[in-house]
Amino acid sequence: MSTTLPQTNDFGGTPLVSLQAIAEAIRANGTDCEIVGDASTEIRGVAIDSRKSAATCLFICKGAGFKPAFLESAIASGAAAYLCQGELNEQGKLTAPADLAAAAAGTPAIVAADVRRAMATASKVAYGDPSAALNIVGITGTKGKTTTSYMLHAIMDAAQVSTSILGSIETDDGIEEFESCNTTPESPDLWRHLSNTVASGRAHMVMEVSSQALKYDRVLGLTLSIACFLNIGRDHISPAEHPTFEDYFESKLRIFDQCKCAVVNLGTEHVNEVMAAAKAAPQLFTVGVDCDSADLVASNVRTVKGGIEFDIAESAKLAAAAGEEDASASAHTVKLSIAGLFNAENALCAIACARLLGIGWNAIEQGLSHVRVPGRMEIIASPSEPITAIVDYAHNKLSFETLFKSLKKEYPGQQIIAIFGAPGGKAYERREVLPQTAGAYADLLIYAEEDPAHDRVEDICAEMANNTPEGVAHEIIYDREEAFKRAVEVAHESGKPTVIAFLAKGEEELQHRGDNFEPIKSDSTIAHEVLGA
């Protein structure tokens, strides 16, 4: 998988669309806009990054750090027109900001009252609405989106159904494949990936849908075949994301407003509110562990060699929706090839989505028995010492609580050392709640770098150290490889069987520092190398 940002140099295969047609669609979607220049100008494709602009594309001027030089660069690369946030002049008419108008003198533009909503609509129109030819599964939740996506993808593979995937780890649309930087891409990139999926001959897309994507209209206009709601917990609360939990929760619930069918995990907190919102969907199915009222129920969840196993009961209602000729309730046993008792809930959601896509039980059982989620509950054991590393993307309070409770059950009596950090520029409350949550379970906490962006890693780790519960041992080692080596050293010195929870980065090979995403060793690679596994 590439560790660099992809470069798209043309938009061949996408239709030519006039600015007039795009503007009419934007207005029809409830956003005011004006065309500056020739309304008959035709564009092909949409770009939000000047480095990916190409001949005849529509360039989007958006972002807190946007500079007129980006627009100049896009036009030099052949952009035929641009879309920007408008300003009201003295006559109450929308006009382009003076600096953009000067940078693009003579270049036609669409000036919108809300550039986010406008660019989502423009992208959909420019790519000819490829979603109409696809079955799209959107998965949201505070934790488990990536794991559930990979589980469903593995099931589809076992059924020999080629499927695209968009998420926090990987983007693969059948034409482009690279390591992701956002959970859900901005709308111009999203619609390009949907278009690529159709062009590659695929008919299915599995995508993670973040609260930010729902709140800021990245997925506006996208109809999901299935919307899957995993769970809700406190996360992403910051001035740059969601000011309150209520805003975060409300954003998540919007997913039900744009789907044909909803799948809800009854084990989520605030389940009554979730179910009330899910009733907006034309169809609604539920899953749950030890929950007899659900359409798909897991019971007797148990740890087995190489993963977990559980029994499943499927309702006649879900069997009928799956297209079974004999639509009667049925029972099955499923083995999952990844650890963590909590993953039974994620598997149930993936199975329900697969059934709604018409996938049979043989493919479900085969896919889950061989599923591998990069960097999710990856078990790396030392061949010579009683040290086990658990590499996982857990990075918020809910995922920490779930993971550490599972470790206590699955590795009883063992010493636990946790290595983690917190990101810069967002989710500030993690710097307080993560040390407190991990401190209730772990014997030693080691704070390390985790995508500091424009914040100083020294300040982030110091803040986490200050929030460590009294009496809990903790150290600060910024370099993640050195932090892991220190954890192994502590395990040696203690002579105790030890679990090292290496958290948040998984198999990511990019570290967000400043404006750049710099290559690094993944946590998985570090653990394998240091333990000699």
Protein backbone atom coordinates (compact mmCIF):
# COMPACT_ATOMS: atom_id res chain seq x y z
CA MET A 1 0.00 0.00 0.00
CA SER A 2 1.28 3.44 -0.87
CA THR A 3 2.33 5.70 2.00
CA THR A 4 2.13 8.86 -0.09
CA LEU A 5 -0.87 10.87 -1.16
CA PRO A 6 -2.21 9.70 -4.54
CA GLN A 7 -1.88 11.97 -7.51
CA THR A 8 -4.83 12.10 -9.89
CA ASN A 9 -3.86 13.83 -13.12
CA ASP A 10 -6.98 13.52 -15.25
CA PHE A 11 -10.69 12.89 -15.01
CA GLY A 12 -11.06 10.78 -18.13
CA GLY A 13 -14.35 8.91 -18.34
CA THR A 14 -16.33 11.45 -16.33
CA PRO A 15 -18.97 13.49 -18.16
CA LEU A 16 -18.67 17.08 -19.32
CA VAL A 17 -21.10 19.23 -17.31
CA SER A 18 -21.88 22.93 -17.70
CA LEU A 19 -21.59 25.41 -14.84
CA GLN A 20 -25.25 26.23 -15.47
CA ALA A 21 -26.29 22.63 -14.77
CA ILE A 22 -24.18 22.51 -11.61
CA ALA A 23 -25.55 25.82 -10.35
CA GLU A 24 -29.13 24.68 -10.94
CA ALA A 25 -28.49 21.51 -8.93
CA ILE A 26 -26.92 23.52 -6.09
CA ARG A 27 -29.95 25.82 -5.94
CA ALA A 28 -32.33 22.84 -6.12
CA ASN A 29 -30.56 21.45 -3.08
CA GLY A 30 -31.34 24.58 -1.08
CA THR A 31 -28.10 26.56 -1.44
CA ASP A 32 -28.04 29.98 -3.10
CA CYS A 33 -25.30 30.60 -5.68
CA GLU A 34 -24.29 32.88 -8.55
CA ILE A 35 -22.32 32.21 -11.71
CA VAL A 36 -19.53 34.66 -12.53
CA GLY A 37 -18.50 34.51 -16.18
CA ASP A 38 -19.63 32.12 -18.92
CA ALA A 39 -22.37 29.80 -17.55
CA SER A 40 -21.97 27.47 -20.55
CA THR A 41 -18.40 26.62 -19.51
CA GLU A 42 -18.05 22.84 -19.25
CA ILE A 43 -16.02 21.06 -16.60
CA ARG A 44 -14.94 17.46 -16.19
CA GLY A 45 -14.30 16.27 -12.63
CA VAL A 46 -13.78 18.16 -9.37
CA ALA A 47 -10.59 18.78 -7.37
CA ILE A 48 -10.08 20.19 -3.87
CA ASP A 49 -6.29 19.85 -3.92
CA SER A 50 -4.44 22.04 -6.44
CA ARG A 51 -1.85 19.26 -6.83
CA LYS A 52 -4.59 17.04 -8.29
CA SER A 53 -6.10 19.61 -10.64
CA ALA A 54 -6.29 18.71 -14.29
CA ALA A 55 -7.52 20.13 -17.57
CA THR A 56 -11.18 21.21 -17.54
CA CYS A 57 -11.81 20.35 -13.85
CA LEU A 58 -13.79 22.44 -11.36
CA PHE A 59 -11.51 23.56 -8.53
CA ILE A 60 -12.87 24.02 -5.01
CA CYS A 61 -11.58 26.93 -2.93
CA LYS A 62 -12.10 25.80 0.67
CA GLY A 63 -10.24 25.42 3.93
CA ALA A 64 -9.04 27.52 6.84
CA GLY A 65 -5.56 27.71 5.34
CA PHE A 66 -6.65 28.29 1.75
CA LYS A 67 -4.47 30.71 -0.22
CA PRO A 68 -5.17 32.42 -3.57
CA ALA A 69 -1.91 30.85 -4.79
CA PHE A 70 -3.65 27.44 -4.66
CA LEU A 71 -6.26 28.73 -7.11
CA GLU A 72 -3.58 30.16 -9.38
CA SER A 73 -1.81 26.77 -9.37
CA ALA A 74 -5.04 24.93 -10.18
CA ILE A 75 -5.75 27.23 -13.13
CA ALA A 76 -2.18 26.78 -14.36
CA SER A 77 -2.86 23.03 -14.34
CA GLY A 78 -5.91 23.53 -16.51
CA ALA A 79 -8.85 24.04 -14.15
CA ALA A 80 -11.69 25.47 -16.23
CA ALA A 81 -13.62 27.09 -13.36
CA TYR A 82 -13.73 27.35 -9.60
CA LEU A 83 -16.25 27.17 -6.75
CA CYS A 84 -15.89 29.35 -3.66
CA GLN A 85 -17.66 30.75 -0.63
CA GLY A 86 -19.36 33.98 -1.64
CA GLU A 87 -19.58 37.38 0.02
CA LEU A 88 -22.62 39.66 -0.16
CA ASN A 89 -21.98 42.99 -1.86
CA GLU A 90 -23.87 46.22 -1.17
CA GLN A 91 -26.65 45.11 -3.51
CA GLY A 92 -27.03 41.83 -1.59
CA LYS A 93 -25.58 39.77 -4.43
CA LEU A 94 -23.07 36.96 -3.90
CA THR A 95 -19.61 37.80 -5.23
CA ALA A 96 -16.23 36.09 -5.09
CA PRO A 97 -13.76 37.37 -2.45
CA ALA A 98 -11.54 40.06 -3.98
CA ASP A 99 -8.30 38.08 -3.54
CA LEU A 100 -9.72 35.06 -5.39
CA ALA A 101 -11.24 37.21 -8.14
CA ALA A 102 -7.85 38.85 -8.64
CA ALA A 103 -5.99 35.52 -8.67
CA ALA A 104 -8.38 34.07 -11.26
CA ALA A 105 -9.25 37.06 -13.44
CA GLY A 106 -11.27 35.87 -16.43
CA THR A 107 -11.87 32.37 -15.03
CA PRO A 108 -15.56 31.46 -14.61
CA ALA A 109 -16.78 30.67 -11.11
CA ILE A 110 -19.71 29.50 -9.04
CA VAL A 111 -20.02 31.62 -5.91
CA ALA A 112 -22.06 29.86 -3.22
CA ALA A 113 -23.67 30.88 0.06
CA ASP A 114 -22.47 27.58 1.59
CA VAL A 115 -19.41 26.17 -0.14
CA ARG A 116 -19.52 22.82 1.73
CA ARG A 117 -23.03 21.97 0.62
CA ALA A 118 -22.37 23.38 -2.84
CA MET A 119 -19.26 21.30 -3.43
CA ALA A 120 -21.04 18.10 -2.35
CA THR A 121 -23.79 18.74 -4.89
CA ALA A 122 -21.32 19.84 -7.57
CA SER A 123 -19.24 16.69 -7.07
CA LYS A 124 -22.25 14.42 -7.37
CA VAL A 125 -23.39 16.13 -10.58
CA ALA A 126 -19.89 16.29 -12.07
CA TYR A 127 -19.39 12.55 -11.66
CA GLY A 128 -22.83 11.66 -12.99
CA ASP A 129 -24.09 10.25 -9.67
CA PRO A 130 -22.18 6.92 -9.71
CA SER A 131 -23.88 5.95 -6.43
CA ALA A 132 -26.99 5.03 -8.40
CA ALA A 133 -25.10 2.01 -9.77
CA LEU A 134 -23.72 0.88 -6.40
CA ASN A 135 -24.71 -0.88 -3.21
CA ILE A 136 -23.13 1.30 -0.52
CA VAL A 137 -22.84 0.27 3.11
CA GLY A 138 -22.09 3.15 5.49
CA ILE A 139 -20.82 2.24 8.96
CA THR A 140 -20.68 4.69 11.85
CA GLY A 141 -19.91 4.47 15.57
CA THR A 142 -17.47 5.70 18.17
CA LYS A 143 -15.47 2.48 17.95
CA GLY A 144 -15.38 -0.51 15.63
CA LYS A 145 -16.00 1.15 12.25
CA THR A 146 -12.77 -0.11 10.72
CA THR A 147 -13.05 -3.59 12.19
CA THR A 148 -16.63 -4.01 11.00
CA SER A 149 -15.71 -2.71 7.54
CA TYR A 150 -12.91 -5.23 7.19
CA MET A 151 -15.13 -8.04 8.44
CA LEU A 152 -17.77 -7.21 5.83
CA HIS A 153 -15.08 -6.86 3.16
CA ALA A 154 -13.69 -10.32 4.08
CA ILE A 155 -17.17 -11.82 3.80
CA MET A 156 -17.67 -10.23 0.38
CA ASP A 157 -14.29 -11.59 -0.73
CA ALA A 158 -15.28 -15.08 0.41
CA ALA A 159 -18.46 -14.71 -1.64
CA GLN A 160 -16.27 -13.66 -4.60
CA VAL A 161 -17.88 -10.23 -4.75
CA SER A 162 -15.31 -7.54 -5.53
CA THR A 163 -15.88 -4.65 -3.11
CA SER A 164 -14.33 -1.20 -2.64
CA ILE A 165 -13.46 0.10 0.81
CA LEU A 166 -13.10 3.63 2.20
CA GLY A 167 -11.96 4.11 5.78
CA SER A 168 -9.41 5.28 8.27
CA ILE A 169 -6.80 2.68 7.26
CA GLU A 170 -7.20 2.12 3.55
CA THR A 171 -8.77 3.51 0.41
CA ASP A 172 -9.27 0.99 -2.42
CA ASP A 173 -11.75 1.90 -5.14
CA GLY A 174 -10.60 -0.54 -7.81
CA ILE A 175 -8.38 2.05 -9.49
CA GLU A 176 -6.67 3.90 -6.63
CA GLU A 177 -5.28 2.19 -3.52
CA PHE A 178 -3.43 4.00 -0.73
CA GLU A 179 -3.23 4.58 3.02
CA SER A 180 -6.01 6.91 4.11
CA CYS A 181 -5.56 10.24 5.88
CA ASN A 182 -9.24 10.83 6.70
CA THR A 183 -11.90 8.38 7.85
CA THR A 184 -14.32 9.79 5.28
CA PRO A 185 -12.85 11.88 2.44
CA GLU A 186 -14.09 15.30 1.39
CA SER A 187 -16.96 15.14 -1.10
CA PRO A 188 -14.92 15.72 -4.31
CA ASP A 189 -12.68 12.79 -3.40
CA LEU A 190 -15.61 10.67 -2.19
CA TRP A 191 -17.48 11.01 -5.47
CA ARG A 192 -14.28 10.32 -7.43
CA HIS A 193 -13.84 7.07 -5.52
CA LEU A 194 -17.44 6.12 -6.19
CA SER A 195 -16.91 6.87 -9.88
CA ASN A 196 -13.72 4.79 -9.89
CA THR A 197 -15.58 1.91 -8.26
CA VAL A 198 -18.12 1.87 -11.07
CA ALA A 199 -15.41 2.25 -13.71
CA SER A 200 -13.51 -0.70 -12.25
CA GLY A 201 -16.54 -2.94 -12.63
CA ARG A 202 -17.39 -3.19 -8.95
CA ALA A 203 -20.93 -2.84 -7.67
CA HIS A 204 -20.31 -2.60 -3.92
CA MET A 205 -18.68 -0.07 -1.59
CA VAL A 206 -18.10 -0.42 2.16
CA MET A 207 -17.28 2.89 3.83
CA GLU A 208 -16.75 4.31 7.29
CA VAL A 209 -18.87 7.40 7.89
CA SER A 210 -17.47 9.77 10.50
CA SER A 211 -19.39 12.29 12.57
CA GLN A 212 -17.41 15.04 10.83
CA ALA A 213 -18.53 13.75 7.42
CA LEU A 214 -22.15 13.86 8.54
CA LYS A 215 -21.95 17.22 10.28
CA TYR A 216 -20.04 19.01 7.53
CA ASP A 217 -21.92 17.59 4.54
CA ARG A 218 -19.15 15.44 3.06
CA VAL A 219 -21.75 12.74 2.35
CA LEU A 220 -24.57 15.12 1.41
CA GLY A 221 -26.63 13.67 -1.43
CA LEU A 222 -25.29 10.15 -0.96
CA THR A 223 -27.96 7.47 -0.53
CA LEU A 224 -26.73 4.49 1.46
CA SER A 225 -28.13 1.06 0.74
CA ILE A 226 -27.45 0.21 4.40
CA ALA A 227 -26.58 2.47 7.33
CA CYS A 228 -25.03 0.56 10.22
CA PHE A 229 -24.88 2.13 13.70
CA LEU A 230 -22.42 0.36 16.01
CA ASN A 231 -22.29 2.41 19.23
CA ILE A 232 -21.92 5.86 20.73
CA GLY A 233 -19.54 7.19 23.38
CA ARG A 234 -17.81 10.46 24.19
CA ASP A 235 -15.17 11.44 21.63
CA HIS A 236 -14.21 14.20 19.20
CA ILE A 237 -15.32 16.90 21.62
CA SER A 238 -13.27 20.01 20.84
CA PRO A 239 -13.65 23.49 19.31
CA ALA A 240 -12.36 22.07 16.03
CA GLU A 241 -14.84 19.16 15.92
CA HIS A 242 -17.95 18.96 18.11
CA PRO A 243 -18.49 21.52 20.89
CA THR A 244 -20.62 19.09 22.93
CA PHE A 245 -21.50 15.41 23.14
CA GLU A 246 -25.01 16.29 22.04
CA ASP A 247 -23.67 17.80 18.83
CA TYR A 248 -21.50 14.71 18.23
CA PHE A 249 -24.41 12.31 18.86
CA GLU A 250 -26.82 14.33 16.72
CA SER A 251 -24.29 14.30 13.87
CA LYS A 252 -23.98 10.51 14.06
CA LEU A 253 -27.74 10.03 13.96
CA ARG A 254 -27.98 11.92 10.66
CA ILE A 255 -26.84 8.76 8.89
CA PHE A 256 -30.38 7.38 9.13
CA ASP A 257 -31.75 10.29 7.08
CA GLN A 258 -29.98 9.07 3.94
CA CYS A 259 -30.35 5.30 3.90
CA LYS A 260 -32.71 2.67 2.51
CA CYS A 261 -32.11 0.27 5.39
CA ALA A 262 -30.77 0.64 8.94
CA VAL A 263 -28.87 -1.86 11.11
CA VAL A 264 -28.57 -1.00 14.82
CA ASN A 265 -26.53 -2.69 17.55
CA LEU A 266 -28.84 -2.90 20.56
CA GLY A 267 -25.80 -3.01 22.83
CA THR A 268 -25.07 0.67 22.24
CA GLU A 269 -25.53 3.29 24.91
CA HIS A 270 -28.48 5.66 24.33
CA VAL A 271 -30.16 2.84 22.41
CA ASN A 272 -33.65 4.38 22.70
CA GLU A 273 -32.52 7.59 21.01
CA VAL A 274 -30.69 5.61 18.33
CA MET A 275 -33.72 3.42 17.62
CA ALA A 276 -36.01 6.45 17.43
CA ALA A 277 -33.77 8.04 14.80
CA ALA A 278 -33.32 4.75 12.91
CA LYS A 279 -37.07 4.53 12.34
CA ALA A 280 -36.57 7.20 9.67
CA ALA A 281 -35.18 4.41 7.46
CA PRO A 282 -37.67 2.44 5.32
CA GLN A 283 -36.35 -0.81 6.83
CA LEU A 284 -34.81 -1.46 10.25
CA PHE A 285 -32.96 -4.51 11.56
CA THR A 286 -31.26 -5.04 14.91
CA VAL A 287 -28.39 -7.10 16.28
CA GLY A 288 -27.28 -7.85 19.82
CA VAL A 289 -25.25 -10.10 22.08
CA ASP A 290 -27.50 -12.10 24.44
CA CYS A 291 -30.44 -9.99 23.31
CA ASP A 292 -33.37 -12.19 22.30
CA SER A 293 -35.34 -9.33 20.74
CA ALA A 294 -32.78 -8.68 17.98
CA ASP A 295 -32.99 -9.94 14.39
CA LEU A 296 -29.49 -11.37 14.74
CA VAL A 297 -28.40 -12.63 18.18
CA ALA A 298 -24.99 -13.84 19.37
CA SER A 299 -24.76 -16.02 22.46
CA ASN A 300 -22.18 -18.11 24.29
CA VAL A 301 -19.32 -15.85 23.15
CA ARG A 302 -16.10 -17.63 24.03
CA THR A 303 -12.36 -17.41 23.56
CA VAL A 304 -10.85 -20.13 21.38
CA LYS A 305 -7.41 -20.66 19.90
CA GLY A 306 -6.72 -17.93 17.38
CA GLY A 307 -9.77 -15.81 18.13
CA ILE A 308 -13.32 -16.08 19.44
CA GLU A 309 -16.38 -18.18 18.67
CA PHE A 310 -20.09 -17.71 19.25
CA ASP A 311 -23.51 -19.06 18.35
CA ILE A 312 -25.92 -17.04 16.20
CA ALA A 313 -29.68 -17.06 15.83
CA GLU A 314 -31.16 -15.34 12.76
CA SER A 315 -34.79 -14.22 12.63
CA ALA A 316 -37.13 -15.19 9.82
CA LYS A 317 -37.45 -11.47 9.03
CA LEU A 318 -33.73 -11.14 8.28
CA ALA A 319 -33.66 -14.43 6.37
CA ALA A 320 -36.48 -13.15 4.17
CA ALA A 321 -34.64 -9.86 3.57
CA ALA A 322 -31.59 -11.92 2.55
CA GLY A 323 -33.68 -13.55 -0.16
CA GLU A 324 -33.88 -17.01 1.39
CA GLU A 325 -36.54 -19.16 -0.27
CA ASP A 326 -37.24 -20.83 3.06
CA ALA A 327 -37.37 -17.67 5.16
CA SER A 328 -37.37 -19.25 8.59
CA ALA A 329 -35.33 -18.61 11.71
CA SER A 330 -31.98 -20.41 11.73
CA ALA A 331 -28.98 -21.07 13.97
CA HIS A 332 -25.26 -21.02 13.15
CA THR A 333 -21.85 -21.08 14.83
CA VAL A 334 -19.22 -18.59 13.73
CA LYS A 335 -15.51 -18.48 14.50
CA LEU A 336 -13.73 -15.15 14.28
CA SER A 337 -10.00 -15.13 13.57
CA ILE A 338 -9.28 -12.05 15.69
CA ALA A 339 -9.20 -11.69 19.46
CA GLY A 340 -11.40 -9.60 21.71
CA LEU A 341 -14.74 -10.81 23.06
CA PHE A 342 -16.18 -7.39 22.20
CA ASN A 343 -15.65 -8.13 18.50
CA ALA A 344 -18.77 -10.30 18.57
CA GLU A 345 -20.83 -7.09 18.28
CA ASN A 346 -18.79 -5.88 15.30
CA ALA A 347 -19.14 -9.28 13.64
CA LEU A 348 -22.91 -9.26 14.15
CA CYS A 349 -23.17 -5.90 12.39
CA ALA A 350 -21.03 -7.12 9.49
CA ILE A 351 -23.08 -10.30 9.20
CA ALA A 352 -26.38 -8.41 9.19
CA CYS A 353 -25.12 -6.14 6.40
CA ALA A 354 -23.89 -9.15 4.43
CA ARG A 355 -27.23 -10.90 4.77
CA LEU A 356 -29.04 -7.78 3.55
CA LEU A 357 -26.75 -7.84 0.51
CA GLY A 358 -27.85 -11.43 -0.16
CA ILE A 359 -24.69 -13.18 1.03
CA GLY A 360 -25.08 -16.78 2.21
CA TRP A 361 -23.89 -18.29 5.47
CA ASN A 362 -21.07 -20.34 3.95
CA ALA A 363 -19.32 -17.18 2.73
CA ILE A 364 -20.00 -15.46 6.06
CA GLU A 365 -18.42 -18.29 8.06
CA GLN A 366 -15.48 -18.61 5.67
CA GLY A 367 -14.80 -14.87 5.52
CA LEU A 368 -14.87 -14.33 9.29
CA SER A 369 -12.73 -17.39 9.97
CA HIS A 370 -9.91 -15.82 7.93
CA VAL A 371 -10.48 -12.09 8.48
CA ARG A 372 -7.52 -9.94 9.34
CA VAL A 373 -7.95 -6.32 10.32
CA PRO A 374 -4.60 -4.49 10.02
CA GLY A 375 -3.59 -3.23 13.43
CA ARG A 376 -6.80 -4.36 15.18
CA MET A 377 -6.32 -6.68 18.16
CA GLU A 378 -3.24 -8.05 16.43
CA ILE A 379 -1.53 -10.52 18.77
CA ILE A 380 2.27 -10.59 18.52
CA ALA A 381 3.92 -12.96 21.00
CA SER A 382 7.60 -13.25 21.87
CA PRO A 383 8.84 -16.71 20.87
CA SER A 384 11.14 -16.95 23.89
CA GLU A 385 9.55 -14.94 26.73
CA PRO A 386 6.10 -14.53 28.34
CA ILE A 387 5.49 -11.20 26.56
CA THR A 388 2.49 -10.60 24.32
CA ALA A 389 1.94 -7.41 22.35
CA ILE A 390 -1.59 -6.37 21.42
CA VAL A 391 -1.48 -3.85 18.57
CA ASP A 392 -4.77 -2.00 18.25
CA TYR A 393 -6.16 1.29 16.96
CA ALA A 394 -8.04 1.99 20.22
CA HIS A 395 -7.84 5.74 20.70
CA ASN A 396 -10.86 6.98 22.66
CA LYS A 397 -12.51 6.35 26.01
CA LEU A 398 -15.05 3.80 24.78
CA SER A 399 -12.52 1.74 22.84
CA PHE A 400 -10.06 1.90 25.79
CA GLU A 401 -12.67 0.66 28.27
CA THR A 402 -13.70 -2.16 25.95
CA LEU A 403 -10.14 -3.22 25.15
CA PHE A 404 -8.77 -3.17 28.70
CA LYS A 405 -11.78 -5.04 30.12
CA SER A 406 -11.24 -7.70 27.45
CA LEU A 407 -7.51 -7.94 28.23
CA LYS A 408 -8.26 -8.47 31.92
CA LYS A 409 -10.58 -11.35 31.03
CA GLU A 410 -8.39 -12.94 28.36
CA TYR A 411 -5.02 -12.50 30.14
CA PRO A 412 -5.94 -12.89 33.84
CA GLY A 413 -3.22 -12.06 36.34
CA GLN A 414 -0.78 -10.71 33.78
CA GLN A 415 1.01 -7.38 34.03
CA ILE A 416 -0.32 -4.78 31.57
CA ILE A 417 1.80 -2.00 30.06
CA ALA A 418 0.03 0.50 27.80
CA ILE A 419 1.69 2.74 25.21
CA PHE A 420 -0.38 5.54 23.71
CA GLY A 421 -0.63 9.27 23.07
CA ALA A 422 -3.21 11.79 21.92
CA PRO A 423 -3.55 13.77 18.69
CA GLY A 424 -2.92 17.46 18.21
CA GLY A 425 -5.57 19.97 17.26
CA LYS A 426 -8.62 17.87 18.13
CA ALA A 427 -10.30 15.60 20.70
CA TYR A 428 -8.61 17.43 23.56
CA GLU A 429 -10.52 15.53 26.22
CA ARG A 430 -8.58 12.36 25.31
CA ARG A 431 -5.58 13.86 27.09
CA GLU A 432 -7.59 13.59 30.30
CA VAL A 433 -9.83 10.56 29.88
CA LEU A 434 -7.34 8.16 28.28
CA PRO A 435 -4.82 8.24 31.15
CA GLN A 436 -7.68 7.90 33.63
CA THR A 437 -9.28 5.01 31.76
CA ALA A 438 -6.06 3.08 31.11
CA GLY A 439 -4.82 3.84 34.62
CA ALA A 440 -7.68 1.82 36.08
CA TYR A 441 -6.34 -1.34 34.39
CA ALA A 442 -2.65 -0.98 33.47
CA ASP A 443 0.42 -1.31 35.70
CA LEU A 444 2.48 1.15 33.63
CA LEU A 445 1.50 3.87 31.18
CA ILE A 446 4.00 5.13 28.59
CA TYR A 447 3.03 8.30 26.74
CA ALA A 448 4.34 8.61 23.17
CA GLU A 449 3.82 10.57 19.97
CA GLU A 450 0.51 10.21 18.15
CA ASP A 451 -0.13 12.60 15.23
CA PRO A 452 0.67 15.85 17.07
CA ALA A 453 -0.05 17.96 13.95
CA HIS A 454 0.59 21.59 15.00
CA ASP A 455 0.73 20.91 18.75
CA ARG A 456 3.98 20.16 20.57
CA VAL A 457 4.25 16.47 21.41
CA GLU A 458 6.01 17.54 24.62
CA ASP A 459 2.94 19.53 25.68
CA ILE A 460 0.52 16.73 24.83
CA CYS A 461 2.44 14.11 26.80
CA ALA A 462 2.96 16.45 29.74
CA GLU A 463 -0.78 17.10 29.88
CA MET A 464 -1.47 13.36 29.87
CA ALA A 465 1.08 12.81 32.62
CA ASN A 466 -0.65 15.47 34.72
CA ASN A 467 -3.94 13.61 34.29
CA THR A 468 -2.56 10.23 35.32
CA PRO A 469 -4.36 8.83 38.37
CA GLU A 470 -2.40 9.10 41.60
CA GLY A 471 -0.27 6.05 42.24
CA VAL A 472 -0.22 4.82 38.62
CA ALA A 473 3.31 4.42 37.23
CA HIS A 474 3.91 6.38 34.05
CA GLU A 475 6.74 7.50 31.77
CA ILE A 476 7.10 9.80 28.76
CA ILE A 477 9.03 8.50 25.74
CA TYR A 478 8.14 10.41 22.59
CA ASP A 479 9.58 7.94 20.05
CA ARG A 480 7.15 5.01 19.67
CA GLU A 481 9.84 2.44 18.93
CA GLU A 482 11.85 3.47 22.00
CA ALA A 483 8.64 3.40 24.06
CA PHE A 484 7.99 -0.18 23.02
CA LYS A 485 11.58 -1.18 23.78
CA ARG A 486 11.19 0.34 27.23
CA ALA A 487 8.01 -1.68 27.82
CA VAL A 488 9.87 -4.88 26.92
CA GLU A 489 12.69 -3.87 29.27
CA VAL A 490 10.22 -3.39 32.13
CA ALA A 491 8.70 -6.79 31.40
CA HIS A 492 12.18 -8.38 31.55
CA GLU A 493 13.01 -6.69 34.82
CA SER A 494 9.75 -7.75 36.45
CA GLY A 495 9.96 -11.37 35.35
CA LYS A 496 6.15 -11.41 35.10
CA PRO A 497 4.01 -12.53 32.17
CA THR A 498 3.22 -9.23 30.45
CA VAL A 499 0.76 -7.84 27.94
CA ILE A 500 1.93 -4.71 26.11
CA ALA A 501 -0.99 -2.76 24.68
CA PHE A 502 0.46 -0.72 21.80
CA LEU A 503 -2.38 1.62 20.92
CA ALA A 504 -3.76 4.12 18.39
CA LYS A 505 -1.49 3.80 15.32
CA GLY A 506 -1.80 0.11 14.35
CA GLU A 507 -0.39 -0.41 10.87
CA GLU A 508 -0.33 3.27 9.96
CA GLU A 509 2.93 4.27 8.30
CA LEU A 510 2.36 8.02 8.40
CA GLN A 511 2.75 10.44 11.34
CA HIS A 512 0.93 13.78 11.13
CA ARG A 513 3.49 16.45 12.04
CA GLY A 514 2.71 20.06 11.20
CA ASP A 515 1.24 20.16 7.70
CA ASN A 516 2.96 16.94 6.66
CA PHE A 517 2.32 13.21 6.92
CA GLU A 518 5.78 11.75 7.47
CA PRO A 519 6.75 8.08 6.94
CA ILE A 520 7.27 6.02 10.12
CA LYS A 521 7.46 2.38 11.14
CA SER A 522 4.05 1.00 11.99
CA ASP A 523 3.33 -0.23 15.52
CA SER A 524 2.89 -3.71 14.08
CA THR A 525 6.33 -3.62 12.45
CA ILE A 526 7.94 -2.31 15.64
CA ALA A 527 6.39 -5.06 17.75
CA HIS A 528 7.44 -7.80 15.35
CA GLU A 529 11.01 -6.51 15.11
CA VAL A 530 11.57 -5.91 18.82
CA LEU A 531 9.99 -9.20 19.93
CA GLY A 532 11.60 -11.19 17.11
CA ALA A 533 8.19 -12.62 16.26
